[in-house]
């Protein structure tokens, strides 16, 4: 399954893997709305039990505009990962340009109370070159998100 993930970062035994895909059926290209879905797997290869407390994202669009997003946990959860365990989640990112990027870090707390900042690898958000024509075709079929 690791081969499905295109981007990986490892920080002190915490492995963060990312797979990202453009979703033309969720995009409204003619209205300047582009949408990507990303799947993240967090693997605890350390010797410590850790809990994910917060997420910190730097999202950059194709014009260089940066949006910083911070919040508790991921998709409403603050998972506890024992050594050897993994946590997967899926989320999405809308942009008003056909390309951009995401990167960031998670804040974890170890069982002993110390903090760990684990890197989320940089990954590009890029619509395929033919996305505009595919988006128009999807819109013409009357598809709904």
N, C-alpha and C. Protein backbone atom coordinates (compact mmCIF):
# COMPACT_ATOMS: atom_id res chain seq x y z
N UNK A 1 0.82 -1.20 0.00
CA UNK A 1 0.00 0.00 0.00
C UNK A 1 0.87 1.26 0.00
N UNK A 2 2.09 1.16 0.51
CA UNK A 2 2.96 2.33 0.57
C UNK A 2 3.20 2.93 -0.80
N UNK A 3 3.13 2.09 -1.86
CA UNK A 3 3.38 2.61 -3.21
C UNK A 3 2.29 3.56 -3.68
N UNK A 4 1.14 3.56 -3.03
CA UNK A 4 0.06 4.49 -3.39
C UNK A 4 0.38 5.92 -2.98
N UNK A 5 1.26 6.07 -2.00
CA UNK A 5 1.57 7.40 -1.48
C UNK A 5 2.73 8.00 -2.25
N UNK A 6 2.53 9.23 -2.76
CA UNK A 6 3.52 9.86 -3.62
C UNK A 6 4.56 10.68 -2.86
N UNK A 7 4.24 11.08 -1.62
CA UNK A 7 5.11 12.00 -0.88
C UNK A 7 5.23 11.51 0.56
N UNK A 8 6.46 11.59 1.11
CA UNK A 8 6.71 11.08 2.46
C UNK A 8 7.66 12.00 3.21
N UNK A 9 7.38 12.19 4.50
CA UNK A 9 8.30 12.90 5.40
C UNK A 9 8.42 12.06 6.67
N UNK A 10 9.62 12.02 7.24
CA UNK A 10 9.86 11.27 8.48
C UNK A 10 10.50 12.21 9.48
N UNK A 11 9.88 12.30 10.67
CA UNK A 11 10.39 13.14 11.75
C UNK A 11 10.41 12.32 13.03
N UNK A 12 11.57 12.04 13.57
CA UNK A 12 11.70 11.31 14.84
C UNK A 12 10.82 10.07 14.91
N UNK A 13 10.80 9.30 13.85
CA UNK A 13 10.04 8.06 13.85
C UNK A 13 8.58 8.19 13.50
N UNK A 14 8.13 9.40 13.20
CA UNK A 14 6.74 9.60 12.75
C UNK A 14 6.79 9.79 11.23
N UNK A 15 6.13 8.88 10.53
CA UNK A 15 6.13 8.89 9.07
C UNK A 15 4.79 9.46 8.60
N UNK A 16 4.85 10.47 7.75
CA UNK A 16 3.64 11.07 7.18
C UNK A 16 3.71 10.85 5.67
N UNK A 17 2.72 10.12 5.15
CA UNK A 17 2.65 9.81 3.72
C UNK A 17 1.42 10.48 3.13
N UNK A 18 1.55 10.97 1.90
CA UNK A 18 0.45 11.69 1.25
C UNK A 18 0.24 11.16 -0.17
N UNK A 19 -1.02 10.94 -0.51
CA UNK A 19 -1.45 10.69 -1.89
C UNK A 19 -2.46 11.78 -2.22
N UNK A 20 -2.35 12.38 -3.39
CA UNK A 20 -3.24 13.48 -3.77
C UNK A 20 -3.77 13.25 -5.18
N UNK A 21 -5.04 13.62 -5.38
CA UNK A 21 -5.66 13.48 -6.70
C UNK A 21 -6.58 14.67 -6.97
N UNK A 22 -6.55 15.14 -8.20
CA UNK A 22 -7.47 16.18 -8.66
C UNK A 22 -8.83 15.54 -8.90
N UNK A 23 -9.90 16.21 -8.48
CA UNK A 23 -11.26 15.69 -8.67
C UNK A 23 -12.04 16.61 -9.61
N UNK A 24 -12.07 16.30 -10.90
CA UNK A 24 -12.81 17.15 -11.82
C UNK A 24 -14.30 17.18 -11.51
N UNK A 25 -14.85 16.08 -10.99
CA UNK A 25 -16.28 16.04 -10.70
C UNK A 25 -16.67 16.93 -9.52
N UNK A 26 -15.71 17.31 -8.67
CA UNK A 26 -15.98 18.23 -7.56
C UNK A 26 -15.57 19.66 -7.91
N UNK A 27 -14.97 19.84 -9.07
CA UNK A 27 -14.48 21.15 -9.49
C UNK A 27 -15.52 21.84 -10.37
N UNK A 28 -15.50 23.15 -10.36
CA UNK A 28 -16.32 23.97 -11.26
C UNK A 28 -15.35 24.90 -11.97
N UNK A 29 -14.66 24.34 -12.94
CA UNK A 29 -13.55 25.03 -13.58
C UNK A 29 -13.99 26.33 -14.24
N UNK A 30 -15.14 26.31 -14.90
CA UNK A 30 -15.62 27.53 -15.56
C UNK A 30 -15.91 28.64 -14.55
N UNK A 31 -16.11 28.26 -13.27
CA UNK A 31 -16.33 29.25 -12.21
C UNK A 31 -15.06 29.51 -11.41
N UNK A 32 -13.93 28.95 -11.86
CA UNK A 32 -12.66 29.17 -11.17
C UNK A 32 -12.54 28.40 -9.86
N UNK A 33 -13.15 27.23 -9.78
CA UNK A 33 -13.08 26.41 -8.57
C UNK A 33 -12.48 25.06 -8.93
N UNK A 34 -11.38 24.74 -8.28
CA UNK A 34 -10.62 23.51 -8.52
C UNK A 34 -10.57 22.76 -7.20
N UNK A 35 -10.65 21.42 -7.24
CA UNK A 35 -10.72 20.66 -5.98
C UNK A 35 -9.83 19.42 -6.04
N UNK A 36 -9.07 19.22 -4.97
CA UNK A 36 -8.22 18.04 -4.82
C UNK A 36 -8.61 17.30 -3.55
N UNK A 37 -8.43 16.01 -3.57
CA UNK A 37 -8.60 15.18 -2.38
C UNK A 37 -7.22 14.61 -2.04
N UNK A 38 -6.93 14.57 -0.73
CA UNK A 38 -5.66 13.98 -0.31
C UNK A 38 -5.90 12.95 0.78
N UNK A 39 -5.13 11.88 0.72
CA UNK A 39 -5.18 10.78 1.68
C UNK A 39 -3.87 10.84 2.45
N UNK A 40 -3.98 10.90 3.77
CA UNK A 40 -2.78 10.95 4.60
C UNK A 40 -2.73 9.73 5.51
N UNK A 41 -1.57 9.13 5.57
CA UNK A 41 -1.31 8.05 6.53
C UNK A 41 -0.20 8.52 7.45
N UNK A 42 -0.46 8.45 8.75
CA UNK A 42 0.53 8.78 9.77
C UNK A 42 0.91 7.46 10.44
N UNK A 43 2.20 7.13 10.40
CA UNK A 43 2.69 5.88 10.98
C UNK A 43 3.62 6.21 12.14
N UNK A 44 3.39 5.57 13.28
CA UNK A 44 4.25 5.78 14.44
C UNK A 44 5.30 4.67 14.48
N UNK A 45 6.48 4.97 13.97
CA UNK A 45 7.59 4.02 14.01
C UNK A 45 8.55 4.34 15.15
N UNK A 46 8.11 5.22 16.06
CA UNK A 46 8.94 5.58 17.21
C UNK A 46 8.70 4.58 18.34
N UNK A 47 9.41 4.78 19.44
CA UNK A 47 9.24 3.93 20.63
C UNK A 47 8.25 4.55 21.61
N UNK A 48 7.60 5.66 21.23
CA UNK A 48 6.73 6.39 22.14
C UNK A 48 5.28 6.34 21.67
N UNK A 49 4.36 6.32 22.63
CA UNK A 49 2.95 6.54 22.31
C UNK A 49 2.79 8.04 22.10
N UNK A 50 2.09 8.42 21.02
CA UNK A 50 1.93 9.83 20.69
C UNK A 50 0.45 10.14 20.43
N UNK A 51 0.08 11.39 20.67
CA UNK A 51 -1.27 11.85 20.32
C UNK A 51 -1.17 13.07 19.44
N UNK A 52 -1.89 13.03 18.32
CA UNK A 52 -1.93 14.16 17.40
C UNK A 52 -2.82 15.23 18.02
N UNK A 53 -2.27 16.41 18.25
CA UNK A 53 -3.02 17.48 18.89
C UNK A 53 -3.52 18.53 17.89
N UNK A 54 -2.61 19.01 17.03
CA UNK A 54 -2.98 20.09 16.11
C UNK A 54 -2.36 19.86 14.74
N UNK A 55 -2.96 20.55 13.74
CA UNK A 55 -2.44 20.53 12.38
C UNK A 55 -2.13 21.97 11.98
N UNK A 56 -1.13 22.11 11.14
CA UNK A 56 -0.69 23.42 10.67
C UNK A 56 -0.38 23.27 9.18
N UNK A 57 -1.19 23.90 8.35
CA UNK A 57 -1.04 23.81 6.89
C UNK A 57 -0.63 25.15 6.30
N UNK A 58 0.20 25.07 5.27
CA UNK A 58 0.53 26.23 4.43
C UNK A 58 0.07 25.86 3.03
N UNK A 59 -1.01 26.50 2.58
CA UNK A 59 -1.60 26.21 1.28
C UNK A 59 -1.31 27.40 0.37
N UNK A 60 -0.67 27.13 -0.75
CA UNK A 60 -0.29 28.19 -1.68
C UNK A 60 -0.99 27.96 -3.01
N UNK A 61 -1.65 28.99 -3.54
CA UNK A 61 -2.32 28.83 -4.84
C UNK A 61 -1.37 29.22 -5.97
N UNK A 62 -1.86 29.12 -7.19
CA UNK A 62 -1.05 29.38 -8.37
C UNK A 62 -0.62 30.82 -8.54
N UNK A 63 -1.21 31.73 -7.78
CA UNK A 63 -0.81 33.14 -7.82
C UNK A 63 0.17 33.48 -6.70
N UNK A 64 0.53 32.47 -5.90
CA UNK A 64 1.44 32.69 -4.79
C UNK A 64 0.76 33.16 -3.52
N UNK A 65 -0.56 33.20 -3.51
CA UNK A 65 -1.30 33.59 -2.31
C UNK A 65 -1.23 32.44 -1.30
N UNK A 66 -0.88 32.77 -0.06
CA UNK A 66 -0.70 31.75 0.98
C UNK A 66 -1.84 31.82 1.98
N UNK A 67 -2.37 30.65 2.30
CA UNK A 67 -3.41 30.53 3.32
C UNK A 67 -2.87 29.61 4.40
N UNK A 68 -2.77 30.12 5.63
CA UNK A 68 -2.33 29.32 6.76
C UNK A 68 -3.56 28.79 7.48
N UNK A 69 -3.60 27.48 7.67
CA UNK A 69 -4.74 26.83 8.31
C UNK A 69 -4.23 26.06 9.51
N UNK A 70 -4.80 26.34 10.67
CA UNK A 70 -4.42 25.65 11.90
C UNK A 70 -5.68 25.20 12.60
N UNK A 71 -5.59 24.09 13.31
CA UNK A 71 -6.75 23.62 14.06
C UNK A 71 -6.41 22.40 14.88
N UNK A 72 -7.36 22.01 15.71
CA UNK A 72 -7.20 20.83 16.55
C UNK A 72 -7.38 19.57 15.72
N UNK A 73 -6.50 18.61 15.93
CA UNK A 73 -6.64 17.29 15.32
C UNK A 73 -6.76 17.30 13.81
N UNK A 74 -7.30 16.19 13.30
CA UNK A 74 -7.55 16.03 11.87
C UNK A 74 -8.94 15.44 11.70
N UNK A 75 -9.73 16.00 10.83
CA UNK A 75 -11.11 15.61 10.56
C UNK A 75 -11.86 15.25 11.85
N UNK A 76 -11.74 16.12 12.85
CA UNK A 76 -12.48 15.96 14.10
C UNK A 76 -11.90 14.96 15.08
N UNK A 77 -10.72 14.46 14.83
CA UNK A 77 -10.11 13.46 15.72
C UNK A 77 -8.73 13.91 16.18
N UNK A 78 -8.36 13.45 17.38
CA UNK A 78 -7.01 13.62 17.90
C UNK A 78 -6.49 12.22 18.25
N UNK A 79 -6.13 11.45 17.22
CA UNK A 79 -5.81 10.04 17.45
C UNK A 79 -4.57 9.82 18.30
N UNK A 80 -4.63 8.75 19.09
CA UNK A 80 -3.49 8.27 19.86
C UNK A 80 -2.89 7.11 19.08
N UNK A 81 -1.58 7.17 18.86
CA UNK A 81 -0.89 6.13 18.11
C UNK A 81 0.18 5.49 18.99
N UNK A 82 0.01 4.21 19.25
CA UNK A 82 1.03 3.45 19.97
C UNK A 82 2.12 3.07 18.97
N UNK A 83 3.30 2.70 19.45
CA UNK A 83 4.36 2.29 18.52
C UNK A 83 3.85 1.20 17.56
N UNK A 84 4.13 1.39 16.28
CA UNK A 84 3.72 0.44 15.26
C UNK A 84 2.34 0.68 14.68
N UNK A 85 1.58 1.61 15.25
CA UNK A 85 0.22 1.89 14.75
C UNK A 85 0.23 2.99 13.70
N UNK A 86 -0.87 3.03 12.93
CA UNK A 86 -1.02 4.05 11.88
C UNK A 86 -2.43 4.62 11.94
N UNK A 87 -2.57 5.82 11.42
CA UNK A 87 -3.88 6.48 11.31
C UNK A 87 -4.00 7.04 9.90
N UNK A 88 -5.12 6.76 9.26
CA UNK A 88 -5.39 7.27 7.91
C UNK A 88 -6.58 8.22 7.95
N UNK A 89 -6.52 9.25 7.13
CA UNK A 89 -7.69 10.09 6.93
C UNK A 89 -7.64 10.70 5.53
N UNK A 90 -8.81 11.15 5.10
CA UNK A 90 -8.96 11.76 3.78
C UNK A 90 -9.61 13.12 3.96
N UNK A 91 -9.11 14.10 3.25
CA UNK A 91 -9.70 15.44 3.28
C UNK A 91 -9.55 16.05 1.89
N UNK A 92 -9.96 17.30 1.76
CA UNK A 92 -9.90 17.95 0.46
C UNK A 92 -9.43 19.38 0.55
N UNK A 93 -9.05 19.91 -0.61
CA UNK A 93 -8.57 21.29 -0.69
C UNK A 93 -9.10 21.96 -1.95
N UNK A 94 -9.90 23.02 -1.79
CA UNK A 94 -10.32 23.80 -2.95
C UNK A 94 -9.33 24.94 -3.21
N UNK A 95 -9.15 25.27 -4.47
CA UNK A 95 -8.35 26.44 -4.85
C UNK A 95 -9.10 27.20 -5.95
N UNK A 96 -8.70 28.45 -6.15
CA UNK A 96 -9.27 29.24 -7.25
C UNK A 96 -8.31 29.29 -8.44
N UNK A 97 -7.27 28.45 -8.41
CA UNK A 97 -6.32 28.32 -9.52
C UNK A 97 -6.16 26.83 -9.84
N UNK A 98 -5.63 26.53 -11.02
CA UNK A 98 -5.49 25.15 -11.46
C UNK A 98 -4.30 24.43 -10.84
N UNK A 99 -3.52 25.14 -10.06
CA UNK A 99 -2.38 24.51 -9.40
C UNK A 99 -2.03 25.27 -8.13
N UNK A 100 -1.29 24.60 -7.27
CA UNK A 100 -0.85 25.16 -6.01
C UNK A 100 -0.05 24.11 -5.27
N UNK A 101 0.02 24.26 -3.95
CA UNK A 101 0.76 23.28 -3.16
C UNK A 101 0.30 23.33 -1.71
N UNK A 102 0.63 22.26 -0.99
CA UNK A 102 0.36 22.18 0.44
C UNK A 102 1.59 21.61 1.13
N UNK A 103 1.78 22.02 2.37
CA UNK A 103 2.82 21.47 3.24
C UNK A 103 2.49 21.93 4.65
N UNK A 104 3.18 21.38 5.63
CA UNK A 104 2.91 21.81 6.98
C UNK A 104 3.51 20.89 8.02
N UNK A 105 2.86 20.85 9.19
CA UNK A 105 3.30 19.94 10.25
C UNK A 105 2.15 19.64 11.20
N UNK A 106 2.31 18.54 11.91
CA UNK A 106 1.40 18.16 12.98
C UNK A 106 2.14 18.34 14.29
N UNK A 107 1.41 18.75 15.33
CA UNK A 107 1.96 18.77 16.67
C UNK A 107 1.44 17.55 17.41
N UNK A 108 2.36 16.74 17.88
CA UNK A 108 2.04 15.56 18.68
C UNK A 108 2.52 15.79 20.11
N UNK A 109 1.90 15.10 21.06
CA UNK A 109 2.39 15.06 22.43
C UNK A 109 2.72 13.61 22.73
N UNK A 110 3.95 13.40 23.21
CA UNK A 110 4.35 12.06 23.62
C UNK A 110 3.75 11.74 24.98
N UNK A 111 3.78 10.47 25.33
CA UNK A 111 3.23 10.02 26.61
C UNK A 111 3.92 10.71 27.79
N UNK A 112 5.19 11.08 27.62
CA UNK A 112 5.92 11.75 28.71
C UNK A 112 5.64 13.26 28.75
N UNK A 113 4.77 13.76 27.85
CA UNK A 113 4.39 15.16 27.86
C UNK A 113 5.19 16.05 26.93
N UNK A 114 6.24 15.53 26.32
CA UNK A 114 7.04 16.36 25.41
C UNK A 114 6.34 16.48 24.05
N UNK A 115 6.56 17.62 23.40
CA UNK A 115 5.96 17.86 22.09
C UNK A 115 6.87 17.40 20.97
N UNK A 116 6.25 17.05 19.86
CA UNK A 116 6.96 16.66 18.65
C UNK A 116 6.26 17.33 17.48
N UNK A 117 7.02 18.05 16.66
CA UNK A 117 6.49 18.63 15.43
C UNK A 117 6.90 17.72 14.28
N UNK A 118 5.92 17.06 13.67
CA UNK A 118 6.19 16.12 12.57
C UNK A 118 5.83 16.78 11.24
N UNK A 119 6.78 16.78 10.33
CA UNK A 119 6.59 17.43 9.03
C UNK A 119 5.55 16.72 8.18
N UNK A 120 4.72 17.52 7.51
CA UNK A 120 3.85 17.03 6.44
C UNK A 120 4.59 17.41 5.16
N UNK A 121 4.90 16.43 4.29
CA UNK A 121 5.72 16.76 3.13
C UNK A 121 5.03 17.74 2.18
N UNK A 122 5.84 18.53 1.51
CA UNK A 122 5.35 19.39 0.43
C UNK A 122 4.75 18.50 -0.64
N UNK A 123 3.57 18.87 -1.13
CA UNK A 123 3.02 18.16 -2.29
C UNK A 123 2.29 19.14 -3.19
N UNK A 124 2.48 18.96 -4.51
CA UNK A 124 1.84 19.86 -5.46
C UNK A 124 0.37 19.51 -5.65
N UNK A 125 -0.41 20.52 -5.94
CA UNK A 125 -1.80 20.38 -6.37
C UNK A 125 -1.80 20.83 -7.82
N UNK A 126 -2.03 19.90 -8.72
CA UNK A 126 -1.94 20.24 -10.15
C UNK A 126 -3.05 19.54 -10.91
N UNK A 127 -3.86 20.33 -11.58
CA UNK A 127 -4.89 19.76 -12.45
C UNK A 127 -4.22 19.30 -13.73
N UNK A 128 -4.68 18.20 -14.32
CA UNK A 128 -4.09 17.77 -15.59
C UNK A 128 -4.35 18.80 -16.68
N UNK A 129 -3.51 18.81 -17.72
CA UNK A 129 -3.64 19.82 -18.78
C UNK A 129 -5.02 19.84 -19.44
N UNK A 130 -5.69 18.71 -19.51
CA UNK A 130 -7.01 18.65 -20.17
C UNK A 130 -8.16 18.84 -19.19
N UNK A 131 -7.88 19.31 -17.98
CA UNK A 131 -8.92 19.43 -16.95
C UNK A 131 -10.03 20.39 -17.35
N UNK A 132 -9.68 21.47 -18.04
CA UNK A 132 -10.72 22.44 -18.40
C UNK A 132 -11.76 21.83 -19.31
N UNK A 133 -11.34 21.04 -20.28
CA UNK A 133 -12.32 20.43 -21.17
C UNK A 133 -13.10 19.34 -20.44
N UNK A 134 -12.43 18.58 -19.57
CA UNK A 134 -13.14 17.54 -18.81
C UNK A 134 -14.12 18.17 -17.83
N UNK A 135 -13.73 19.28 -17.21
CA UNK A 135 -14.63 19.96 -16.27
C UNK A 135 -15.87 20.48 -16.97
N UNK A 136 -15.72 21.01 -18.17
CA UNK A 136 -16.86 21.49 -18.93
C UNK A 136 -17.77 20.34 -19.33
N UNK A 137 -17.18 19.20 -19.69
CA UNK A 137 -17.99 18.03 -20.04
C UNK A 137 -18.77 17.54 -18.84
N UNK A 138 -18.12 17.51 -17.66
CA UNK A 138 -18.81 17.05 -16.45
C UNK A 138 -19.96 18.00 -16.13
N UNK A 139 -19.73 19.29 -16.29
CA UNK A 139 -20.79 20.27 -16.02
C UNK A 139 -21.94 20.07 -16.99
N UNK A 140 -21.62 19.76 -18.23
CA UNK A 140 -22.66 19.56 -19.24
C UNK A 140 -23.53 18.36 -18.95
N UNK A 141 -23.01 17.38 -18.22
CA UNK A 141 -23.80 16.20 -17.86
C UNK A 141 -24.70 16.48 -16.67
N UNK A 142 -24.55 17.64 -16.06
CA UNK A 142 -25.39 17.98 -14.92
C UNK A 142 -24.97 17.27 -13.65
N UNK A 143 -23.70 16.90 -13.54
CA UNK A 143 -23.23 16.19 -12.35
C UNK A 143 -23.25 17.13 -11.15
N UNK A 144 -23.49 16.56 -10.00
CA UNK A 144 -23.51 17.32 -8.75
C UNK A 144 -22.37 16.84 -7.87
N UNK A 145 -21.81 17.72 -7.05
CA UNK A 145 -20.72 17.31 -6.15
C UNK A 145 -21.21 16.36 -5.08
